[in-house]
Amino acid sequence: MDKKKENIFAKARKNKGLTQEAASAQLNMTSDKLSRIEGGKQRIEPADVMNMQKLYERSDLANYYCSHECPIGIEEVSPIEAKQLSVIILKMVNAFNYIDRNKDRLMEIADDDQISTDELEDFARIQYQLNHISSLVKSLKVWVDQQVISGGIDYTTYKETYDKIVKKLNK
């Protein structure tokens, strides 16, 4: 297959070091179906995306599917961009600072459980920043997943640490 025509699913499989035959067996689909999906000749089903995401250890595949191929998601889901950690963190800090500077305004807007016409623009700006933070959190998750895949972060140690913190915070 021509490299230029490989889609994200083919690249993910190859990056995992799997042949179409080996991947299709683990995905419980025929290698012909996988070939058609990778060649763009067959639409991929959400369940297949989720299975590939797990098998290939690529948390970005669902976002790609939702933001590029799903008829509903194309309108509703923003693509996650893989960024450097420093870029993600700097953008997060900027967005958090914006929210911090505008928290009093947000409380004023929420005071009467209504958004009046004169509050609408401020509310929209704050909502935009919150959506931006959500996108950055997803980018951070993709960055962590890429680090785990490349060996930069030991998954077991990370998972144990994360679970310990979640347990402590949920007490």
C-alpha atoms as a PDB file:
ATOM      1  CA  MET A   1       0.000   0.000   0.000  1.00  0.00           C
ATOM      2  CA  ASP A   2       1.239   3.495  -0.832  1.00  0.00           C
ATOM      3  CA  LYS A   3       2.426   5.289   2.350  1.00  0.00           C
ATOM      4  CA  LYS A   4       0.524   8.447   1.369  1.00  0.00           C
ATOM      5  CA  LYS A   5      -2.758   6.521   1.304  1.00  0.00           C
ATOM      6  CA  GLU A   6      -2.311   4.794   4.676  1.00  0.00           C
ATOM      7  CA  ASN A   7      -4.884   5.951   7.139  1.00  0.00           C
ATOM      8  CA  ILE A   8      -4.405   6.401  10.872  1.00  0.00           C
ATOM      9  CA  PHE A   9      -5.639   2.877  11.590  1.00  0.00           C
ATOM     10  CA  ALA A  10      -3.055   1.273   9.279  1.00  0.00           C
ATOM     11  CA  LYS A  11      -0.292   3.429  10.760  1.00  0.00           C
ATOM     12  CA  ALA A  12      -1.337   2.512  14.301  1.00  0.00           C
ATOM     13  CA  ARG A  13      -1.304  -1.199  13.452  1.00  0.00           C
ATOM     14  CA  LYS A  14       2.122  -0.964  11.839  1.00  0.00           C
ATOM     15  CA  ASN A  15       3.503   1.085  14.724  1.00  0.00           C
ATOM     16  CA  LYS A  16       2.379  -1.710  17.029  1.00  0.00           C
ATOM     17  CA  GLY A  17       4.306  -4.156  14.831  1.00  0.00           C
ATOM     18  CA  LEU A  18       1.292  -6.195  13.759  1.00  0.00           C
ATOM     19  CA  THR A  19       0.495  -7.634  10.359  1.00  0.00           C
ATOM     20  CA  GLN A  20      -3.049  -7.313   9.049  1.00  0.00           C
ATOM     21  CA  GLU A  21      -3.529 -11.031   9.655  1.00  0.00           C
ATOM     22  CA  ALA A  22      -2.364 -10.869  13.289  1.00  0.00           C
ATOM     23  CA  ALA A  23      -4.344  -7.695  14.021  1.00  0.00           C
ATOM     24  CA  SER A  24      -7.519  -8.939  12.356  1.00  0.00           C
ATOM     25  CA  ALA A  25      -7.398 -12.161  14.386  1.00  0.00           C
ATOM     26  CA  GLN A  26      -7.100 -10.196  17.641  1.00  0.00           C
ATOM     27  CA  LEU A  27      -9.803  -7.771  16.519  1.00  0.00           C
ATOM     28  CA  ASN A  28     -12.177 -10.618  15.606  1.00  0.00           C
ATOM     29  CA  MET A  29     -12.587  -9.481  12.007  1.00  0.00           C
ATOM     30  CA  THR A  30     -11.437 -10.829   8.676  1.00  0.00           C
ATOM     31  CA  SER A  31      -8.163  -9.546   7.277  1.00  0.00           C
ATOM     32  CA  ASP A  32     -10.156  -8.522   4.189  1.00  0.00           C
ATOM     33  CA  LYS A  33     -12.354  -6.258   6.320  1.00  0.00           C
ATOM     34  CA  LEU A  34      -9.311  -4.746   8.036  1.00  0.00           C
ATOM     35  CA  SER A  35      -7.697  -4.186   4.648  1.00  0.00           C
ATOM     36  CA  ARG A  36     -10.811  -2.378   3.388  1.00  0.00           C
ATOM     37  CA  ILE A  37     -10.954  -0.218   6.524  1.00  0.00           C
ATOM     38  CA  GLU A  38      -7.264   0.669   6.276  1.00  0.00           C
ATOM     39  CA  GLY A  39      -7.631   1.359   2.569  1.00  0.00           C
ATOM     40  CA  GLY A  40     -10.583   3.676   3.111  1.00  0.00           C
ATOM     41  CA  LYS A  41     -12.921   1.395   1.172  1.00  0.00           C
ATOM     42  CA  GLN A  42     -15.121   0.542   4.151  1.00  0.00           C
ATOM     43  CA  ARG A  43     -16.421   2.731   6.946  1.00  0.00           C
ATOM     44  CA  ILE A  44     -15.140   1.693  10.323  1.00  0.00           C
ATOM     45  CA  GLU A  45     -17.657   0.947  13.050  1.00  0.00           C
ATOM     46  CA  PRO A  46     -17.311   2.537  16.507  1.00  0.00           C
ATOM     47  CA  ALA A  47     -16.837  -0.867  18.170  1.00  0.00           C
ATOM     48  CA  ASP A  48     -13.945  -1.608  15.777  1.00  0.00           C
ATOM     49  CA  VAL A  49     -12.341   1.740  16.646  1.00  0.00           C
ATOM     50  CA  MET A  50     -12.584   0.957  20.352  1.00  0.00           C
ATOM     51  CA  ASN A  51     -11.051  -2.487  19.809  1.00  0.00           C
ATOM     52  CA  MET A  52      -8.217  -1.022  17.728  1.00  0.00           C
ATOM     53  CA  GLN A  53      -7.615   1.676  20.290  1.00  0.00           C
ATOM     54  CA  LYS A  54      -7.152  -0.974  22.963  1.00  0.00           C
ATOM     55  CA  LEU A  55      -5.102  -3.399  20.834  1.00  0.00           C
ATOM     56  CA  TYR A  56      -2.830  -0.717  19.363  1.00  0.00           C
ATOM     57  CA  GLU A  57      -2.630   1.211  22.662  1.00  0.00           C
ATOM     58  CA  ARG A  58      -3.611   4.433  20.919  1.00  0.00           C
ATOM     59  CA  SER A  59      -6.054   6.553  22.905  1.00  0.00           C
ATOM     60  CA  ASP A  60      -6.176   9.064  20.044  1.00  0.00           C
ATOM     61  CA  LEU A  61      -7.981   6.712  17.641  1.00  0.00           C
ATOM     62  CA  ALA A  62     -11.432   7.327  19.136  1.00  0.00           C
ATOM     63  CA  ASN A  63     -10.951  11.081  18.957  1.00  0.00           C
ATOM     64  CA  TYR A  64      -9.782  10.782  15.359  1.00  0.00           C
ATOM     65  CA  TYR A  65     -12.827   8.707  14.456  1.00  0.00           C
ATOM     66  CA  CYS A  66     -15.248  11.029  16.244  1.00  0.00           C
ATOM     67  CA  SER A  67     -13.744  14.234  14.856  1.00  0.00           C
ATOM     68  CA  HIS A  68     -13.119  13.024  11.283  1.00  0.00           C
ATOM     69  CA  GLU A  69     -15.458  10.163  10.388  1.00  0.00           C
ATOM     70  CA  CYS A  70     -18.524  10.057  12.643  1.00  0.00           C
ATOM     71  CA  PRO A  71     -21.379  12.103  11.125  1.00  0.00           C
ATOM     72  CA  ILE A  72     -22.375  13.470  14.546  1.00  0.00           C
ATOM     73  CA  GLY A  73     -18.845  13.825  15.913  1.00  0.00           C
ATOM     74  CA  ILE A  74     -17.619  15.862  12.959  1.00  0.00           C
ATOM     75  CA  GLU A  75     -19.977  18.610  14.132  1.00  0.00           C
ATOM     76  CA  GLU A  76     -19.444  18.137  17.869  1.00  0.00           C
ATOM     77  CA  VAL A  77     -15.909  16.852  18.575  1.00  0.00           C
ATOM     78  CA  SER A  78     -12.689  18.807  18.201  1.00  0.00           C
ATOM     79  CA  PRO A  79      -9.598  16.963  17.020  1.00  0.00           C
ATOM     80  CA  ILE A  80      -6.916  16.441  19.647  1.00  0.00           C
ATOM     81  CA  GLU A  81      -3.507  17.602  18.552  1.00  0.00           C
ATOM     82  CA  ALA A  82      -0.423  15.847  19.856  1.00  0.00           C
ATOM     83  CA  LYS A  83       1.727  18.550  21.412  1.00  0.00           C
ATOM     84  CA  GLN A  84       4.835  18.790  23.512  1.00  0.00           C
ATOM     85  CA  LEU A  85       4.279  18.647  27.260  1.00  0.00           C
ATOM     86  CA  SER A  86       5.598  22.187  27.749  1.00  0.00           C
ATOM     87  CA  VAL A  87       3.132  23.558  25.179  1.00  0.00           C
ATOM     88  CA  ILE A  88       0.203  21.737  26.781  1.00  0.00           C
ATOM     89  CA  ILE A  89       1.129  22.941  30.274  1.00  0.00           C
ATOM     90  CA  LEU A  90       1.687  26.563  29.225  1.00  0.00           C
ATOM     91  CA  LYS A  91      -1.649  26.657  27.424  1.00  0.00           C
ATOM     92  CA  MET A  92      -3.366  25.086  30.454  1.00  0.00           C
ATOM     93  CA  VAL A  93      -1.849  27.636  32.838  1.00  0.00           C
ATOM     94  CA  ASN A  94      -2.977  30.484  30.576  1.00  0.00           C
ATOM     95  CA  ALA A  95      -6.507  29.079  30.426  1.00  0.00           C
ATOM     96  CA  PHE A  96      -6.607  28.482  34.211  1.00  0.00           C
ATOM     97  CA  ASN A  97      -5.409  32.043  34.787  1.00  0.00           C
ATOM     98  CA  TYR A  98      -8.185  33.365  32.538  1.00  0.00           C
ATOM     99  CA  ILE A  99     -10.779  31.379  34.490  1.00  0.00           C
ATOM    100  CA  ASP A 100      -9.285  32.542  37.778  1.00  0.00           C
ATOM    101  CA  ARG A 101      -9.453  36.199  36.675  1.00  0.00           C
ATOM    102  CA  ASN A 102     -13.084  35.715  35.607  1.00  0.00           C
ATOM    103  CA  LYS A 103     -14.436  33.531  38.415  1.00  0.00           C
ATOM    104  CA  ASP A 104     -16.208  36.474  40.075  1.00  0.00           C
ATOM    105  CA  ARG A 105     -17.928  37.311  36.787  1.00  0.00           C
ATOM    106  CA  LEU A 106     -18.970  33.685  36.402  1.00  0.00           C
ATOM    107  CA  MET A 107     -20.468  33.736  39.905  1.00  0.00           C
ATOM    108  CA  GLU A 108     -22.347  36.965  39.043  1.00  0.00           C
ATOM    109  CA  ILE A 109     -23.737  35.323  35.927  1.00  0.00           C
ATOM    110  CA  ALA A 110     -24.777  32.204  37.865  1.00  0.00           C
ATOM    111  CA  ASP A 111     -26.314  34.170  40.743  1.00  0.00           C
ATOM    112  CA  ASP A 112     -29.844  34.186  39.310  1.00  0.00           C
ATOM    113  CA  ASP A 113     -29.584  30.902  37.357  1.00  0.00           C
ATOM    114  CA  GLN A 114     -30.140  32.857  34.144  1.00  0.00           C
ATOM    115  CA  ILE A 115     -27.879  34.241  31.448  1.00  0.00           C
ATOM    116  CA  SER A 116     -29.094  37.682  30.476  1.00  0.00           C
ATOM    117  CA  THR A 117     -28.248  39.392  27.202  1.00  0.00           C
ATOM    118  CA  ASP A 118     -25.591  41.566  28.857  1.00  0.00           C
ATOM    119  CA  GLU A 119     -23.976  38.437  30.399  1.00  0.00           C
ATOM    120  CA  LEU A 120     -23.981  36.345  27.248  1.00  0.00           C
ATOM    121  CA  GLU A 121     -20.665  37.501  25.763  1.00  0.00           C
ATOM    122  CA  ASP A 122     -18.761  37.061  29.040  1.00  0.00           C
ATOM    123  CA  PHE A 123     -20.339  33.646  29.568  1.00  0.00           C
ATOM    124  CA  ALA A 124     -19.437  32.552  26.034  1.00  0.00           C
ATOM    125  CA  ARG A 125     -15.791  33.597  26.565  1.00  0.00           C
ATOM    126  CA  ILE A 126     -15.605  31.679  29.844  1.00  0.00           C
ATOM    127  CA  GLN A 127     -17.254  28.637  28.268  1.00  0.00           C
ATOM    128  CA  TYR A 128     -14.758  28.781  25.410  1.00  0.00           C
ATOM    129  CA  GLN A 129     -11.871  28.701  27.902  1.00  0.00           C
ATOM    130  CA  LEU A 130     -13.426  25.772  29.756  1.00  0.00           C
ATOM    131  CA  ASN A 131     -13.798  23.882  26.468  1.00  0.00           C
ATOM    132  CA  HIS A 132     -10.180  24.746  25.689  1.00  0.00           C
ATOM    133  CA  ILE A 133      -9.097  23.301  29.056  1.00  0.00           C
ATOM    134  CA  SER A 134     -11.046  20.124  28.294  1.00  0.00           C
ATOM    135  CA  SER A 135      -9.247  19.802  24.970  1.00  0.00           C
ATOM    136  CA  LEU A 136      -5.879  20.365  26.649  1.00  0.00           C
ATOM    137  CA  VAL A 137      -6.638  17.668  29.233  1.00  0.00           C
ATOM    138  CA  LYS A 138      -7.295  15.264  26.346  1.00  0.00           C
ATOM    139  CA  SER A 139      -4.027  16.351  24.699  1.00  0.00           C
ATOM    140  CA  LEU A 140      -2.222  15.656  27.967  1.00  0.00           C
ATOM    141  CA  LYS A 141      -3.746  12.161  28.064  1.00  0.00           C
ATOM    142  CA  VAL A 142      -2.560  11.514  24.502  1.00  0.00           C
ATOM    143  CA  TRP A 143       0.918  12.774  25.463  1.00  0.00           C
ATOM    144  CA  VAL A 144       1.024  10.428  28.474  1.00  0.00           C
ATOM    145  CA  ASP A 145      -0.152   7.507  26.321  1.00  0.00           C
ATOM    146  CA  GLN A 146       2.577   8.266  23.774  1.00  0.00           C
ATOM    147  CA  GLN A 147       5.153   8.336  26.560  1.00  0.00           C
ATOM    148  CA  VAL A 148       3.945   4.976  27.847  1.00  0.00           C
ATOM    149  CA  ILE A 149       4.095   3.484  24.345  1.00  0.00           C
ATOM    150  CA  SER A 150       7.611   4.840  23.724  1.00  0.00           C
ATOM    151  CA  GLY A 151       8.854   3.693  27.138  1.00  0.00           C
ATOM    152  CA  GLY A 152       9.333   7.208  28.525  1.00  0.00           C
ATOM    153  CA  ILE A 153       6.873   6.412  31.317  1.00  0.00           C
ATOM    154  CA  ASP A 154       6.557   2.999  32.953  1.00  0.00           C
ATOM    155  CA  TYR A 155       2.862   2.152  32.681  1.00  0.00           C
ATOM    156  CA  THR A 156       2.678  -0.012  35.802  1.00  0.00           C
ATOM    157  CA  THR A 157       4.335   2.595  38.011  1.00  0.00           C
ATOM    158  CA  TYR A 158       2.232   5.385  36.521  1.00  0.00           C
ATOM    159  CA  LYS A 159      -1.024   3.426  36.936  1.00  0.00           C
ATOM    160  CA  GLU A 160      -0.222   2.498  40.545  1.00  0.00           C
ATOM    161  CA  THR A 161       0.644   6.110  41.369  1.00  0.00           C
ATOM    162  CA  TYR A 162      -2.445   7.461  39.618  1.00  0.00           C
ATOM    163  CA  ASP A 163      -4.767   4.949  41.299  1.00  0.00           C
ATOM    164  CA  LYS A 164      -3.253   5.713  44.715  1.00  0.00           C
ATOM    165  CA  ILE A 165      -3.857   9.450  44.221  1.00  0.00           C
ATOM    166  CA  VAL A 166      -7.433   8.897  42.981  1.00  0.00           C
ATOM    167  CA  LYS A 167      -8.174   6.704  45.987  1.00  0.00           C
ATOM    168  CA  LYS A 168      -6.765   9.316  48.376  1.00  0.00           C
ATOM    169  CA  LEU A 169      -8.675  12.185  46.751  1.00  0.00           C
ATOM    170  CA  ASN A 170     -11.963  10.261  46.736  1.00  0.00           C
ATOM    171  CA  LYS A 171     -11.925   9.675  50.506  1.00  0.00           C
END
